[in-house]
Amino acid sequence: MASRNSASNWTPKQNKLFERALAVYDEETPDRWQNVARAVEGKSAEEVKRHYDLLLEDLRYIESGKVPFPNYDPATAGHNAAEGDHRKRNQKLK
C-alpha cells in the first residue's frame, strides 16, 4: 500500500479543485483522470487517481464502522470550540 503521506501534499485549494473536477468529470467521461489532473494545479493523472482511490478507501472504512466517531462534548454541541472554551472559563470564574 502506498504511503498516506502523499495525501498530505495536497493543498486545500487543490482538494477543492479536485472535488469540483470530480463533479464535472464522472465515471463515464473519457480520459477522466487526465481531465481531473488538468483541473487540479500541479497534479498528474496518476496522482489524482491515487487521491481518489485513497478517498474511496477512507469512505469504506467509515461506512464499515472502523473509524470511531469523534467524542464531542454535549455541552458545546452546536457551538464552535472557541465559544465552548470561553464558556468553560467563565464558569470557573464564578
PDB file of N, CA and C in Angstrom:
ATOM      1  N   MET A   1       0.848  -1.184   0.000  1.00  0.00           N
ATOM      2  CA  MET A   1       0.000   0.000   0.000  1.00  0.00           C
ATOM      3  C   MET A   1       0.890   1.241   0.000  1.00  0.00           C
ATOM      4  N   ALA A   2       0.501   2.231  -0.739  1.00  0.00           N
ATOM      5  CA  ALA A   2       1.266   3.473  -0.827  1.00  0.00           C
ATOM      6  C   ALA A   2       1.124   4.260   0.462  1.00  0.00           C
ATOM      7  N   SER A   3       2.082   5.100   0.708  1.00  0.00           N
ATOM      8  CA  SER A   3       2.066   5.909   1.915  1.00  0.00           C
ATOM      9  C   SER A   3       0.934   6.925   1.875  1.00  0.00           C
ATOM     10  N   ARG A   4       0.281   7.087   3.008  1.00  0.00           N
ATOM     11  CA  ARG A   4      -0.775   8.084   3.103  1.00  0.00           C
ATOM     12  C   ARG A   4      -0.199   9.489   3.184  1.00  0.00           C
ATOM     13  N   ASN A   5       1.119   9.609   3.388  1.00  0.00           N
ATOM     14  CA  ASN A   5       1.736  10.927   3.430  1.00  0.00           C
ATOM     15  C   ASN A   5       1.537  11.682   2.131  1.00  0.00           C
ATOM     16  N   SER A   6       1.372  10.953   1.024  1.00  0.00           N
ATOM     17  CA  SER A   6       1.159  11.624  -0.256  1.00  0.00           C
ATOM     18  C   SER A   6      -0.128  12.437  -0.242  1.00  0.00           C
ATOM     19  N   ALA A   7      -1.103  12.015   0.576  1.00  0.00           N
ATOM     20  CA  ALA A   7      -2.356  12.758   0.668  1.00  0.00           C
ATOM     21  C   ALA A   7      -2.137  14.116   1.322  1.00  0.00           C
ATOM     22  N   SER A   8      -1.153  14.218   2.207  1.00  0.00           N
ATOM     23  CA  SER A   8      -0.920  15.482   2.899  1.00  0.00           C
ATOM     24  C   SER A   8      -0.213  16.503   2.014  1.00  0.00           C
ATOM     25  N   ASN A   9       0.253  16.088   0.856  1.00  0.00           N
ATOM     26  CA  ASN A   9       0.913  17.006  -0.062  1.00  0.00           C
ATOM     27  C   ASN A   9      -0.073  17.789  -0.918  1.00  0.00           C
ATOM     28  N   TRP A  10      -1.336  17.644  -0.637  1.00  0.00           N
ATOM     29  CA  TRP A  10      -2.374  18.360  -1.367  1.00  0.00           C
ATOM     30  C   TRP A  10      -2.762  19.596  -0.562  1.00  0.00           C
ATOM     31  N   THR A  11      -2.790  20.733  -1.234  1.00  0.00           N
ATOM     32  CA  THR A  11      -3.220  21.959  -0.563  1.00  0.00           C
ATOM     33  C   THR A  11      -4.747  21.977  -0.478  1.00  0.00           C
ATOM     34  N   PRO A  12      -5.292  22.793   0.413  1.00  0.00           N
ATOM     35  CA  PRO A  12      -6.757  22.927   0.450  1.00  0.00           C
ATOM     36  C   PRO A  12      -7.324  23.359  -0.904  1.00  0.00           C
ATOM     37  N   LYS A  13      -6.608  24.238  -1.601  1.00  0.00           N
ATOM     38  CA  LYS A  13      -7.072  24.689  -2.920  1.00  0.00           C
ATOM     39  C   LYS A  13      -7.101  23.519  -3.904  1.00  0.00           C
ATOM     40  N   GLN A  14      -6.055  22.692  -3.900  1.00  0.00           N
ATOM     41  CA  GLN A  14      -6.027  21.533  -4.792  1.00  0.00           C
ATOM     42  C   GLN A  14      -7.157  20.558  -4.462  1.00  0.00           C
ATOM     43  N   ASN A  15      -7.422  20.359  -3.178  1.00  0.00           N
ATOM     44  CA  ASN A  15      -8.523  19.476  -2.791  1.00  0.00           C
ATOM     45  C   ASN A  15      -9.860  20.006  -3.289  1.00  0.00           C
ATOM     46  N   LYS A  16     -10.064  21.302  -3.196  1.00  0.00           N
ATOM     47  CA  LYS A  16     -11.311  21.898  -3.671  1.00  0.00           C
ATOM     48  C   LYS A  16     -11.427  21.757  -5.191  1.00  0.00           C
ATOM     49  N   LEU A  17     -10.338  22.012  -5.904  1.00  0.00           N
ATOM     50  CA  LEU A  17     -10.340  21.838  -7.362  1.00  0.00           C
ATOM     51  C   LEU A  17     -10.604  20.377  -7.730  1.00  0.00           C
ATOM     52  N   PHE A  18     -10.033  19.462  -6.967  1.00  0.00           N
ATOM     53  CA  PHE A  18     -10.241  18.028  -7.169  1.00  0.00           C
ATOM     54  C   PHE A  18     -11.716  17.676  -6.998  1.00  0.00           C
ATOM     55  N   GLU A  19     -12.325  18.152  -5.923  1.00  0.00           N
ATOM     56  CA  GLU A  19     -13.748  17.882  -5.672  1.00  0.00           C
ATOM     57  C   GLU A  19     -14.620  18.417  -6.803  1.00  0.00           C
ATOM     58  N   ARG A  20     -14.330  19.626  -7.239  1.00  0.00           N
ATOM     59  CA  ARG A  20     -15.120  20.221  -8.326  1.00  0.00           C
ATOM     60  C   ARG A  20     -14.943  19.438  -9.627  1.00  0.00           C
ATOM     61  N   ALA A  21     -13.710  19.030  -9.899  1.00  0.00           N
ATOM     62  CA  ALA A  21     -13.444  18.275 -11.128  1.00  0.00           C
ATOM     63  C   ALA A  21     -14.152  16.923 -11.106  1.00  0.00           C
ATOM     64  N   LEU A  22     -14.215  16.278  -9.945  1.00  0.00           N
ATOM     65  CA  LEU A  22     -14.934  15.005  -9.849  1.00  0.00           C
ATOM     66  C   LEU A  22     -16.416  15.185 -10.150  1.00  0.00           C
ATOM     67  N   ALA A  23     -16.956  16.329  -9.762  1.00  0.00           N
ATOM     68  CA  ALA A  23     -18.368  16.601 -10.042  1.00  0.00           C
ATOM     69  C   ALA A  23     -18.605  16.825 -11.536  1.00  0.00           C
ATOM     70  N   VAL A  24     -17.621  17.362 -12.223  1.00  0.00           N
ATOM     71  CA  VAL A  24     -17.745  17.638 -13.656  1.00  0.00           C
ATOM     72  C   VAL A  24     -17.449  16.395 -14.489  1.00  0.00           C
ATOM     73  N   TYR A  25     -16.381  15.688 -14.144  1.00  0.00           N
ATOM     74  CA  TYR A  25     -15.932  14.528 -14.925  1.00  0.00           C
ATOM     75  C   TYR A  25     -16.312  13.247 -14.192  1.00  0.00           C
ATOM     76  N   ASP A  26     -17.474  12.697 -14.534  1.00  0.00           N
ATOM     77  CA  ASP A  26     -17.943  11.489 -13.856  1.00  0.00           C
ATOM     78  C   ASP A  26     -17.264  10.246 -14.418  1.00  0.00           C
ATOM     79  N   GLU A  27     -17.669   9.095 -13.915  1.00  0.00           N
ATOM     80  CA  GLU A  27     -17.042   7.822 -14.292  1.00  0.00           C
ATOM     81  C   GLU A  27     -17.136   7.513 -15.785  1.00  0.00           C
ATOM     82  N   GLU A  28     -18.118   8.085 -16.450  1.00  0.00           N
ATOM     83  CA  GLU A  28     -18.324   7.817 -17.880  1.00  0.00           C
ATOM     84  C   GLU A  28     -17.501   8.729 -18.785  1.00  0.00           C
ATOM     85  N   THR A  29     -16.836   9.709 -18.221  1.00  0.00           N
ATOM     86  CA  THR A  29     -16.064  10.668 -19.010  1.00  0.00           C
ATOM     87  C   THR A  29     -14.810  10.014 -19.584  1.00  0.00           C
ATOM     88  N   PRO A  30     -14.629  10.089 -20.902  1.00  0.00           N
ATOM     89  CA  PRO A  30     -13.380   9.573 -21.481  1.00  0.00           C
ATOM     90  C   PRO A  30     -12.188  10.369 -20.927  1.00  0.00           C
ATOM     91  N   ASP A  31     -11.102   9.679 -20.677  1.00  0.00           N
ATOM     92  CA  ASP A  31      -9.888  10.324 -20.145  1.00  0.00           C
ATOM     93  C   ASP A  31     -10.176  11.111 -18.870  1.00  0.00           C
ATOM     94  N   ARG A  32     -10.991  10.524 -18.010  1.00  0.00           N
ATOM     95  CA  ARG A  32     -11.413  11.201 -16.780  1.00  0.00           C
ATOM     96  C   ARG A  32     -10.233  11.730 -15.973  1.00  0.00           C
ATOM     97  N   TRP A  33      -9.234  10.888 -15.723  1.00  0.00           N
ATOM     98  CA  TRP A  33      -8.153  11.297 -14.818  1.00  0.00           C
ATOM     99  C   TRP A  33      -7.254  12.352 -15.442  1.00  0.00           C
ATOM    100  N   GLN A  34      -7.111  12.343 -16.747  1.00  0.00           N
ATOM    101  CA  GLN A  34      -6.355  13.404 -17.411  1.00  0.00           C
ATOM    102  C   GLN A  34      -7.100  14.735 -17.284  1.00  0.00           C
ATOM    103  N   ASN A  35      -8.423  14.680 -17.438  1.00  0.00           N
ATOM    104  CA  ASN A  35      -9.232  15.896 -17.295  1.00  0.00           C
ATOM    105  C   ASN A  35      -9.196  16.422 -15.865  1.00  0.00           C
ATOM    106  N   VAL A  36      -9.305  15.520 -14.897  1.00  0.00           N
ATOM    107  CA  VAL A  36      -9.247  15.942 -13.491  1.00  0.00           C
ATOM    108  C   VAL A  36      -7.875  16.544 -13.200  1.00  0.00           C
ATOM    109  N   ALA A  37      -6.814  15.912 -13.692  1.00  0.00           N
ATOM    110  CA  ALA A  37      -5.458  16.424 -13.459  1.00  0.00           C
ATOM    111  C   ALA A  37      -5.281  17.816 -14.057  1.00  0.00           C
ATOM    112  N   ARG A  38      -5.857  18.051 -15.224  1.00  0.00           N
ATOM    113  CA  ARG A  38      -5.771  19.394 -15.830  1.00  0.00           C
ATOM    114  C   ARG A  38      -6.482  20.436 -14.968  1.00  0.00           C
ATOM    115  N   ALA A  39      -7.543  20.012 -14.294  1.00  0.00           N
ATOM    116  CA  ALA A  39      -8.306  20.938 -13.450  1.00  0.00           C
ATOM    117  C   ALA A  39      -7.614  21.216 -12.117  1.00  0.00           C
ATOM    118  N   VAL A  40      -6.782  20.268 -11.681  1.00  0.00           N
ATOM    119  CA  VAL A  40      -6.069  20.413 -10.401  1.00  0.00           C
ATOM    120  C   VAL A  40      -4.646  20.859 -10.704  1.00  0.00           C
ATOM    121  N   GLU A  41      -4.270  21.978 -10.167  1.00  0.00           N
ATOM    122  CA  GLU A  41      -2.951  22.546 -10.451  1.00  0.00           C
ATOM    123  C   GLU A  41      -1.836  21.698  -9.843  1.00  0.00           C
ATOM    124  N   GLY A  42      -0.876  21.294 -10.683  1.00  0.00           N
ATOM    125  CA  GLY A  42       0.321  20.636 -10.186  1.00  0.00           C
ATOM    126  C   GLY A  42       0.205  19.158  -9.887  1.00  0.00           C
ATOM    127  N   LYS A  43      -0.843  18.488 -10.362  1.00  0.00           N
ATOM    128  CA  LYS A  43      -1.012  17.054 -10.120  1.00  0.00           C
ATOM    129  C   LYS A  43      -1.142  16.308 -11.441  1.00  0.00           C
ATOM    130  N   SER A  44      -0.564  15.112 -11.479  1.00  0.00           N
ATOM    131  CA  SER A  44      -0.648  14.275 -12.676  1.00  0.00           C
ATOM    132  C   SER A  44      -1.909  13.424 -12.624  1.00  0.00           C
ATOM    133  N   ALA A  45      -2.211  12.778 -13.743  1.00  0.00           N
ATOM    134  CA  ALA A  45      -3.363  11.875 -13.793  1.00  0.00           C
ATOM    135  C   ALA A  45      -3.199  10.744 -12.784  1.00  0.00           C
ATOM    136  N   GLU A  46      -1.981  10.240 -12.633  1.00  0.00           N
ATOM    137  CA  GLU A  46      -1.727   9.169 -11.671  1.00  0.00           C
ATOM    138  C   GLU A  46      -1.956   9.650 -10.240  1.00  0.00           C
ATOM    139  N   GLU A  47      -1.543  10.884  -9.940  1.00  0.00           N
ATOM    140  CA  GLU A  47      -1.718  11.429  -8.589  1.00  0.00           C
ATOM    141  C   GLU A  47      -3.190  11.641  -8.253  1.00  0.00           C
ATOM    142  N   VAL A  48      -3.971  12.154  -9.195  1.00  0.00           N
ATOM    143  CA  VAL A  48      -5.391  12.376  -8.892  1.00  0.00           C
ATOM    144  C   VAL A  48      -6.133  11.050  -8.776  1.00  0.00           C
ATOM    145  N   LYS A  49      -5.736  10.060  -9.571  1.00  0.00           N
ATOM    146  CA  LYS A  49      -6.363   8.734  -9.467  1.00  0.00           C
ATOM    147  C   LYS A  49      -6.048   8.112  -8.108  1.00  0.00           C
ATOM    148  N   ARG A  50      -4.807   8.222  -7.651  1.00  0.00           N
ATOM    149  CA  ARG A  50      -4.415   7.685  -6.340  1.00  0.00           C
ATOM    150  C   ARG A  50      -5.154   8.425  -5.230  1.00  0.00           C
ATOM    151  N   HIS A  51      -5.289   9.717  -5.357  1.00  0.00           N
ATOM    152  CA  HIS A  51      -6.012  10.512  -4.361  1.00  0.00           C
ATOM    153  C   HIS A  51      -7.467  10.047  -4.285  1.00  0.00           C
ATOM    154  N   TYR A  52      -8.054   9.771  -5.428  1.00  0.00           N
ATOM    155  CA  TYR A  52      -9.424   9.264  -5.494  1.00  0.00           C
ATOM    156  C   TYR A  52      -9.513   7.885  -4.837  1.00  0.00           C
ATOM    157  N   ASP A  53      -8.564   7.016  -5.131  1.00  0.00           N
ATOM    158  CA  ASP A  53      -8.556   5.679  -4.530  1.00  0.00           C
ATOM    159  C   ASP A  53      -8.448   5.751  -3.008  1.00  0.00           C
ATOM    160  N   LEU A  54      -7.612   6.664  -2.498  1.00  0.00           N
ATOM    161  CA  LEU A  54      -7.492   6.848  -1.045  1.00  0.00           C
ATOM    162  C   LEU A  54      -8.796   7.363  -0.450  1.00  0.00           C
ATOM    163  N   LEU A  55      -9.466   8.245  -1.170  1.00  0.00           N
ATOM    164  CA  LEU A  55     -10.754   8.761  -0.719  1.00  0.00           C
ATOM    165  C   LEU A  55     -11.773   7.630  -0.611  1.00  0.00           C
ATOM    166  N   LEU A  56     -11.823   6.772  -1.621  1.00  0.00           N
ATOM    167  CA  LEU A  56     -12.741   5.627  -1.582  1.00  0.00           C
ATOM    168  C   LEU A  56     -12.406   4.681  -0.435  1.00  0.00           C
ATOM    169  N   GLU A  57     -11.118   4.472  -0.204  1.00  0.00           N
ATOM    170  CA  GLU A  57     -10.688   3.611   0.903  1.00  0.00           C
ATOM    171  C   GLU A  57     -11.147   4.196   2.243  1.00  0.00           C
ATOM    172  N   ASP A  58     -10.976   5.495   2.410  1.00  0.00           N
ATOM    173  CA  ASP A  58     -11.436   6.159   3.634  1.00  0.00           C
ATOM    174  C   ASP A  58     -12.940   5.997   3.812  1.00  0.00           C
ATOM    175  N   LEU A  59     -13.687   6.170   2.738  1.00  0.00           N
ATOM    176  CA  LEU A  59     -15.144   6.016   2.814  1.00  0.00           C
ATOM    177  C   LEU A  59     -15.542   4.601   3.213  1.00  0.00           C
ATOM    178  N   ARG A  60     -14.837   3.611   2.678  1.00  0.00           N
ATOM    179  CA  ARG A  60     -15.132   2.214   3.046  1.00  0.00           C
ATOM    180  C   ARG A  60     -14.886   1.982   4.532  1.00  0.00           C
ATOM    181  N   TYR A  61     -13.795   2.526   5.067  1.00  0.00           N
ATOM    182  CA  TYR A  61     -13.515   2.392   6.497  1.00  0.00           C
ATOM    183  C   TYR A  61     -14.596   3.058   7.335  1.00  0.00           C
ATOM    184  N   ILE A  62     -15.002   4.240   6.946  1.00  0.00           N
ATOM    185  CA  ILE A  62     -16.035   4.965   7.687  1.00  0.00           C
ATOM    186  C   ILE A  62     -17.343   4.198   7.655  1.00  0.00           C
ATOM    187  N   GLU A  63     -17.749   3.756   6.470  1.00  0.00           N
ATOM    188  CA  GLU A  63     -19.021   3.048   6.326  1.00  0.00           C
ATOM    189  C   GLU A  63     -19.019   1.690   7.017  1.00  0.00           C
ATOM    190  N   SER A  64     -17.857   1.072   7.171  1.00  0.00           N
ATOM    191  CA  SER A  64     -17.783  -0.235   7.830  1.00  0.00           C
ATOM    192  C   SER A  64     -17.736  -0.108   9.350  1.00  0.00           C
ATOM    193  N   GLY A  65     -17.669   1.120   9.857  1.00  0.00           N
ATOM    194  CA  GLY A  65     -17.628   1.336  11.296  1.00  0.00           C
ATOM    195  C   GLY A  65     -16.237   1.218  11.889  1.00  0.00           C
ATOM    196  N   LYS A  66     -15.210   1.139  11.071  1.00  0.00           N
ATOM    197  CA  LYS A  66     -13.836   1.004  11.557  1.00  0.00           C
ATOM    198  C   LYS A  66     -13.233   2.329  12.010  1.00  0.00           C
ATOM    199  N   VAL A  67     -13.894   3.423  11.695  1.00  0.00           N
ATOM    200  CA  VAL A  67     -13.430   4.738  12.125  1.00  0.00           C
ATOM    201  C   VAL A  67     -14.381   5.212  13.209  1.00  0.00           C
ATOM    202  N   PRO A  68     -13.884   5.398  14.440  1.00  0.00           N
ATOM    203  CA  PRO A  68     -14.783   5.818  15.521  1.00  0.00           C
ATOM    204  C   PRO A  68     -15.247   7.257  15.326  1.00  0.00           C
ATOM    205  N   PHE A  69     -16.459   7.513  15.778  1.00  0.00           N
ATOM    206  CA  PHE A  69     -16.969   8.871  15.735  1.00  0.00           C
ATOM    207  C   PHE A  69     -16.235   9.711  16.771  1.00  0.00           C
ATOM    208  N   PRO A  70     -16.028  10.978  16.495  1.00  0.00           N
ATOM    209  CA  PRO A  70     -15.383  11.851  17.482  1.00  0.00           C
ATOM    210  C   PRO A  70     -16.230  11.927  18.746  1.00  0.00           C
ATOM    211  N   ASN A  71     -15.582  12.071  19.878  1.00  0.00           N
ATOM    212  CA  ASN A  71     -16.275  12.180  21.151  1.00  0.00           C
ATOM    213  C   ASN A  71     -16.495  13.659  21.461  1.00  0.00           C
ATOM    214  N   TYR A  72     -17.652  14.166  21.024  1.00  0.00           N
ATOM    215  CA  TYR A  72     -17.956  15.573  21.226  1.00  0.00           C
ATOM    216  C   TYR A  72     -18.513  15.801  22.621  1.00  0.00           C
ATOM    217  N   ASP A  73     -18.179  16.934  23.202  1.00  0.00           N
ATOM    218  CA  ASP A  73     -18.724  17.333  24.494  1.00  0.00           C
ATOM    219  C   ASP A  73     -20.144  17.831  24.258  1.00  0.00           C
ATOM    220  N   PRO A  74     -21.158  17.165  24.849  1.00  0.00           N
ATOM    221  CA  PRO A  74     -22.546  17.579  24.606  1.00  0.00           C
ATOM    222  C   PRO A  74     -22.824  19.021  25.030  1.00  0.00           C
ATOM    223  N   ALA A  75     -22.053  19.533  25.975  1.00  0.00           N
ATOM    224  CA  ALA A  75     -22.265  20.908  26.437  1.00  0.00           C
ATOM    225  C   ALA A  75     -21.919  21.925  25.361  1.00  0.00           C
ATOM    226  N   THR A  76     -21.044  21.551  24.441  1.00  0.00           N
ATOM    227  CA  THR A  76     -20.646  22.501  23.400  1.00  0.00           C
ATOM    228  C   THR A  76     -21.218  22.136  22.042  1.00  0.00           C
ATOM    229  N   ALA A  77     -22.078  21.151  21.983  1.00  0.00           N
ATOM    230  CA  ALA A  77     -22.674  20.755  20.706  1.00  0.00           C
ATOM    231  C   ALA A  77     -23.404  21.940  20.097  1.00  0.00           C
ATOM    232  N   GLY A  78     -23.153  22.188  18.843  1.00  0.00           N
ATOM    233  CA  GLY A  78     -23.798  23.301  18.155  1.00  0.00           C
ATOM    234  C   GLY A  78     -23.046  24.612  18.289  1.00  0.00           C
ATOM    235  N   HIS A  79     -21.959  24.606  19.049  1.00  0.00           N
ATOM    236  CA  HIS A  79     -21.145  25.811  19.218  1.00  0.00           C
ATOM    237  C   HIS A  79     -19.747  25.510  18.721  1.00  0.00           C
ATOM    238  N   ASN A  80     -19.064  26.534  18.295  1.00  0.00           N
ATOM    239  CA  ASN A  80     -17.685  26.272  17.887  1.00  0.00           C
ATOM    240  C   ASN A  80     -16.808  26.110  19.122  1.00  0.00           C
ATOM    241  N   ALA A  81     -15.636  25.559  18.947  1.00  0.00           N
ATOM    242  CA  ALA A  81     -14.758  25.231  20.066  1.00  0.00           C
ATOM    243  C   ALA A  81     -14.386  26.468  20.874  1.00  0.00           C
ATOM    244  N   ALA A  82     -14.157  27.584  20.215  1.00  0.00           N
ATOM    245  CA  ALA A  82     -13.780  28.802  20.931  1.00  0.00           C
ATOM    246  C   ALA A  82     -14.897  29.253  21.861  1.00  0.00           C
ATOM    247  N   GLU A  83     -16.138  29.173  21.417  1.00  0.00           N
ATOM    248  CA  GLU A  83     -17.261  29.544  22.277  1.00  0.00           C
ATOM    249  C   GLU A  83     -17.346  28.615  23.475  1.00  0.00           C
ATOM    250  N   GLY A  84     -17.151  27.322  23.247  1.00  0.00           N
ATOM    251  CA  GLY A  84     -17.205  26.344  24.330  1.00  0.00           C
ATOM    252  C   GLY A  84     -16.108  26.572  25.342  1.00  0.00           C
ATOM    253  N   ASP A  85     -14.890  26.846  24.883  1.00  0.00           N
ATOM    254  CA  ASP A  85     -13.778  27.118  25.790  1.00  0.00           C
ATOM    255  C   ASP A  85     -14.030  28.382  26.591  1.00  0.00           C
ATOM    256  N   HIS A  86     -14.543  29.414  25.931  1.00  0.00           N
ATOM    257  CA  HIS A  86     -14.838  30.675  26.607  1.00  0.00           C
ATOM    258  C   HIS A  86     -15.890  30.459  27.695  1.00  0.00           C
ATOM    259  N   ARG A  87     -16.917  29.706  27.382  1.00  0.00           N
ATOM    260  CA  ARG A  87     -17.986  29.422  28.332  1.00  0.00           C
ATOM    261  C   ARG A  87     -17.447  28.652  29.540  1.00  0.00           C
ATOM    262  N   LYS A  88     -16.579  27.673  29.317  1.00  0.00           N
ATOM    263  CA  LYS A  88     -15.995  26.895  30.418  1.00  0.00           C
ATOM    264  C   LYS A  88     -15.151  27.781  31.319  1.00  0.00           C
ATOM    265  N   ARG A  89     -14.360  28.683  30.718  1.00  0.00           N
ATOM    266  CA  ARG A  89     -13.536  29.588  31.519  1.00  0.00           C
ATOM    267  C   ARG A  89     -14.404  30.503  32.369  1.00  0.00           C
ATOM    268  N   ASN A  90     -15.490  30.997  31.799  1.00  0.00           N
ATOM    269  CA  ASN A  90     -16.384  31.874  32.554  1.00  0.00           C
ATOM    270  C   ASN A  90     -17.032  31.138  33.714  1.00  0.00           C
ATOM    271  N   GLN A  91     -17.376  29.880  33.545  1.00  0.00           N
ATOM    272  CA  GLN A  91     -17.980  29.102  34.621  1.00  0.00           C
ATOM    273  C   GLN A  91     -16.997  28.913  35.767  1.00  0.00           C
ATOM    274  N   LYS A  92     -15.728  28.742  35.469  1.00  0.00           N
ATOM    275  CA  LYS A  92     -14.716  28.562  36.505  1.00  0.00           C
ATOM    276  C   LYS A  92     -14.516  29.843  37.310  1.00  0.00           C
ATOM    277  N   LEU A  93     -14.737  30.986  36.686  1.00  0.00           N
ATOM    278  CA  LEU A  93     -14.544  32.264  37.361  1.00  0.00           C
ATOM    279  C   LEU A  93     -15.663  32.578  38.346  1.00  0.00           C
ATOM    280  N   LYS A  94     -16.826  31.986  38.164  1.00  0.00           N
ATOM    281  CA  LYS A  94     -17.981  32.295  39.014  1.00  0.00           C
ATOM    282  C   LYS A  94     -17.889  31.634  40.359  1.00  0.00           C
TER     283      LYS A  94
END
